[in-house]
């Protein structure tokens, strides 16, 4: 019994000493593992065109929000990396919006 408790203590002490490893490697691997298990069935990811449109619109809205956040962060802190991120999110949001709107305009 003491040998088993010693192995558990050494296991948990490893993660308490390496908090960065736990926070940035172990914790994100849990949802990725769940997604990979759900991805085994290929029928899970079959969606209609309207669902795809809504997902793209969600991406456009999220990119716009992040773009405005990073431009305000750039202006407040004068941080060049925030400006770089803002340009990236703005470009991505614009491109996804154009790609999402093309099929809608062609159908009409």
C-alpha atoms as a PDB file:
ATOM      1  CA  UNK A   1       0.000   0.000   0.000  1.00  0.00           C
ATOM      2  CA  UNK A   2       2.762   2.446   0.821  1.00  0.00           C
ATOM      3  CA  UNK A   3       4.467   1.714  -2.491  1.00  0.00           C
ATOM      4  CA  UNK A   4       1.300   2.614  -4.372  1.00  0.00           C
ATOM      5  CA  UNK A   5       0.823   5.814  -2.393  1.00  0.00           C
ATOM      6  CA  UNK A   6       4.460   6.710  -3.026  1.00  0.00           C
ATOM      7  CA  UNK A   7       3.966   6.313  -6.789  1.00  0.00           C
ATOM      8  CA  UNK A   8       0.839   8.513  -6.674  1.00  0.00           C
ATOM      9  CA  UNK A   9       2.683  11.139  -4.648  1.00  0.00           C
ATOM     10  CA  UNK A  10       5.581  11.172  -7.080  1.00  0.00           C
ATOM     11  CA  UNK A  11       3.148  11.382 -10.007  1.00  0.00           C
ATOM     12  CA  UNK A  12       1.318  14.401  -8.557  1.00  0.00           C
ATOM     13  CA  UNK A  13       4.508  16.073  -7.365  1.00  0.00           C
ATOM     14  CA  UNK A  14       5.786  15.955 -10.961  1.00  0.00           C
ATOM     15  CA  UNK A  15       2.761  17.954 -12.132  1.00  0.00           C
ATOM     16  CA  UNK A  16       2.891  20.382  -9.228  1.00  0.00           C
ATOM     17  CA  UNK A  17       6.541  21.139 -10.009  1.00  0.00           C
ATOM     18  CA  UNK A  18       5.817  21.536 -13.734  1.00  0.00           C
ATOM     19  CA  UNK A  19       2.775  23.777 -13.619  1.00  0.00           C
ATOM     20  CA  UNK A  20       3.466  25.199 -17.086  1.00  0.00           C
ATOM     21  CA  UNK A  21       3.530  21.709 -18.583  1.00  0.00           C
ATOM     22  CA  UNK A  22       0.227  20.910 -16.946  1.00  0.00           C
ATOM     23  CA  UNK A  23      -1.456  24.171 -17.911  1.00  0.00           C
ATOM     24  CA  UNK A  24      -0.364  24.353 -21.538  1.00  0.00           C
ATOM     25  CA  UNK A  25       0.026  20.706 -22.526  1.00  0.00           C
ATOM     26  CA  UNK A  26      -1.992  18.320 -20.395  1.00  0.00           C
ATOM     27  CA  UNK A  27      -5.150  20.409 -19.956  1.00  0.00           C
ATOM     28  CA  UNK A  28      -5.605  21.280 -23.678  1.00  0.00           C
ATOM     29  CA  UNK A  29      -5.015  17.659 -24.624  1.00  0.00           C
ATOM     30  CA  UNK A  30      -8.217  16.594 -22.814  1.00  0.00           C
ATOM     31  CA  UNK A  31     -10.709  18.369 -25.166  1.00  0.00           C
ATOM     32  CA  UNK A  32      -8.579  17.393 -28.156  1.00  0.00           C
ATOM     33  CA  UNK A  33      -8.810  13.764 -27.069  1.00  0.00           C
ATOM     34  CA  UNK A  34     -12.597  14.060 -26.770  1.00  0.00           C
ATOM     35  CA  UNK A  35     -12.837  15.630 -30.245  1.00  0.00           C
ATOM     36  CA  UNK A  36     -10.646  12.908 -31.731  1.00  0.00           C
ATOM     37  CA  UNK A  37     -12.803  10.177 -30.164  1.00  0.00           C
ATOM     38  CA  UNK A  38     -15.937  11.825 -31.575  1.00  0.00           C
ATOM     39  CA  UNK A  39     -14.278  12.149 -34.988  1.00  0.00           C
ATOM     40  CA  UNK A  40     -13.977   8.397 -35.441  1.00  0.00           C
ATOM     41  CA  UNK A  41     -17.550   8.271 -36.757  1.00  0.00           C
ATOM     42  CA  UNK A  42     -17.486  10.182 -40.051  1.00  0.00           C
ATOM     43  CA  UNK A  43     -21.282  10.658 -40.051  1.00  0.00           C
ATOM     44  CA  UNK A  44     -20.980  12.925 -37.013  1.00  0.00           C
ATOM     45  CA  UNK A  45     -19.566  15.750 -39.123  1.00  0.00           C
ATOM     46  CA  UNK A  46     -22.165  15.701 -41.916  1.00  0.00           C
ATOM     47  CA  UNK A  47     -24.028  19.020 -41.864  1.00  0.00           C
ATOM     48  CA  UNK A  48     -26.351  20.853 -44.183  1.00  0.00           C
ATOM     49  CA  UNK A  49     -25.453  24.015 -46.062  1.00  0.00           C
ATOM     50  CA  UNK A  50     -27.356  26.240 -43.658  1.00  0.00           C
ATOM     51  CA  UNK A  51     -25.370  24.911 -40.681  1.00  0.00           C
ATOM     52  CA  UNK A  52     -22.163  25.653 -42.565  1.00  0.00           C
ATOM     53  CA  UNK A  53     -23.406  29.195 -43.230  1.00  0.00           C
ATOM     54  CA  UNK A  54     -24.185  29.760 -39.543  1.00  0.00           C
ATOM     55  CA  UNK A  55     -20.774  28.441 -38.491  1.00  0.00           C
ATOM     56  CA  UNK A  56     -19.092  30.830 -40.933  1.00  0.00           C
ATOM     57  CA  UNK A  57     -21.164  33.756 -39.671  1.00  0.00           C
ATOM     58  CA  UNK A  58     -20.147  32.872 -36.110  1.00  0.00           C
ATOM     59  CA  UNK A  59     -16.505  32.918 -37.252  1.00  0.00           C
ATOM     60  CA  UNK A  60     -16.998  36.345 -38.847  1.00  0.00           C
ATOM     61  CA  UNK A  61     -18.579  37.781 -35.696  1.00  0.00           C
ATOM     62  CA  UNK A  62     -15.858  36.300 -33.478  1.00  0.00           C
ATOM     63  CA  UNK A  63     -13.109  37.611 -35.764  1.00  0.00           C
ATOM     64  CA  UNK A  64     -14.692  41.074 -35.744  1.00  0.00           C
ATOM     65  CA  UNK A  65     -14.913  41.135 -31.957  1.00  0.00           C
ATOM     66  CA  UNK A  66     -11.305  40.018 -31.599  1.00  0.00           C
ATOM     67  CA  UNK A  67     -10.201  42.533 -34.208  1.00  0.00           C
ATOM     68  CA  UNK A  68     -11.793  45.430 -32.331  1.00  0.00           C
ATOM     69  CA  UNK A  69     -10.352  44.137 -29.057  1.00  0.00           C
ATOM     70  CA  UNK A  70      -6.826  44.000 -30.450  1.00  0.00           C
ATOM     71  CA  UNK A  71      -7.038  47.418 -32.120  1.00  0.00           C
ATOM     72  CA  UNK A  72      -8.112  48.928 -28.792  1.00  0.00           C
ATOM     73  CA  UNK A  73      -5.305  47.050 -27.051  1.00  0.00           C
ATOM     74  CA  UNK A  74      -2.849  48.375 -29.641  1.00  0.00           C
ATOM     75  CA  UNK A  75      -4.016  51.952 -29.135  1.00  0.00           C
ATOM     76  CA  UNK A  76      -3.942  51.636 -25.342  1.00  0.00           C
ATOM     77  CA  UNK A  77      -0.619  49.834 -24.887  1.00  0.00           C
ATOM     78  CA  UNK A  78       1.112  50.752 -28.165  1.00  0.00           C
ATOM     79  CA  UNK A  79       1.819  47.050 -28.629  1.00  0.00           C
ATOM     80  CA  UNK A  80       2.942  46.141 -32.160  1.00  0.00           C
ATOM     81  CA  UNK A  81       2.061  42.465 -31.738  1.00  0.00           C
ATOM     82  CA  UNK A  82      -1.553  43.410 -30.972  1.00  0.00           C
ATOM     83  CA  UNK A  83      -1.642  45.393 -34.212  1.00  0.00           C
ATOM     84  CA  UNK A  84      -0.333  42.327 -36.045  1.00  0.00           C
ATOM     85  CA  UNK A  85      -3.069  40.154 -34.498  1.00  0.00           C
ATOM     86  CA  UNK A  86      -5.710  42.768 -35.295  1.00  0.00           C
ATOM     87  CA  UNK A  87      -4.732  42.849 -38.962  1.00  0.00           C
ATOM     88  CA  UNK A  88      -4.854  39.049 -39.080  1.00  0.00           C
ATOM     89  CA  UNK A  89      -8.297  38.778 -37.483  1.00  0.00           C
ATOM     90  CA  UNK A  90      -9.662  41.595 -39.632  1.00  0.00           C
ATOM     91  CA  UNK A  91      -8.361  39.953 -42.812  1.00  0.00           C
ATOM     92  CA  UNK A  92      -9.676  36.543 -41.803  1.00  0.00           C
ATOM     93  CA  UNK A  93     -13.087  37.941 -40.913  1.00  0.00           C
ATOM     94  CA  UNK A  94     -13.320  39.827 -44.197  1.00  0.00           C
ATOM     95  CA  UNK A  95     -12.348  36.789 -46.271  1.00  0.00           C
ATOM     96  CA  UNK A  96     -14.730  34.447 -44.464  1.00  0.00           C
ATOM     97  CA  UNK A  97     -17.550  36.979 -44.815  1.00  0.00           C
ATOM     98  CA  UNK A  98     -16.946  37.207 -48.560  1.00  0.00           C
ATOM     99  CA  UNK A  99     -16.752  33.433 -48.938  1.00  0.00           C
ATOM    100  CA  UNK A 100     -19.930  32.948 -46.893  1.00  0.00           C
ATOM    101  CA  UNK A 101     -21.871  35.565 -48.856  1.00  0.00           C
ATOM    102  CA  UNK A 102     -20.956  34.342 -52.357  1.00  0.00           C
ATOM    103  CA  UNK A 103     -23.243  31.266 -52.338  1.00  0.00           C
ATOM    104  CA  UNK A 104     -26.095  33.339 -50.884  1.00  0.00           C
ATOM    105  CA  UNK A 105     -25.740  35.960 -53.627  1.00  0.00           C
ATOM    106  CA  UNK A 106     -25.479  33.330 -56.368  1.00  0.00           C
ATOM    107  CA  UNK A 107     -28.657  31.581 -55.178  1.00  0.00           C
ATOM    108  CA  UNK A 108     -30.639  34.833 -55.226  1.00  0.00           C
END
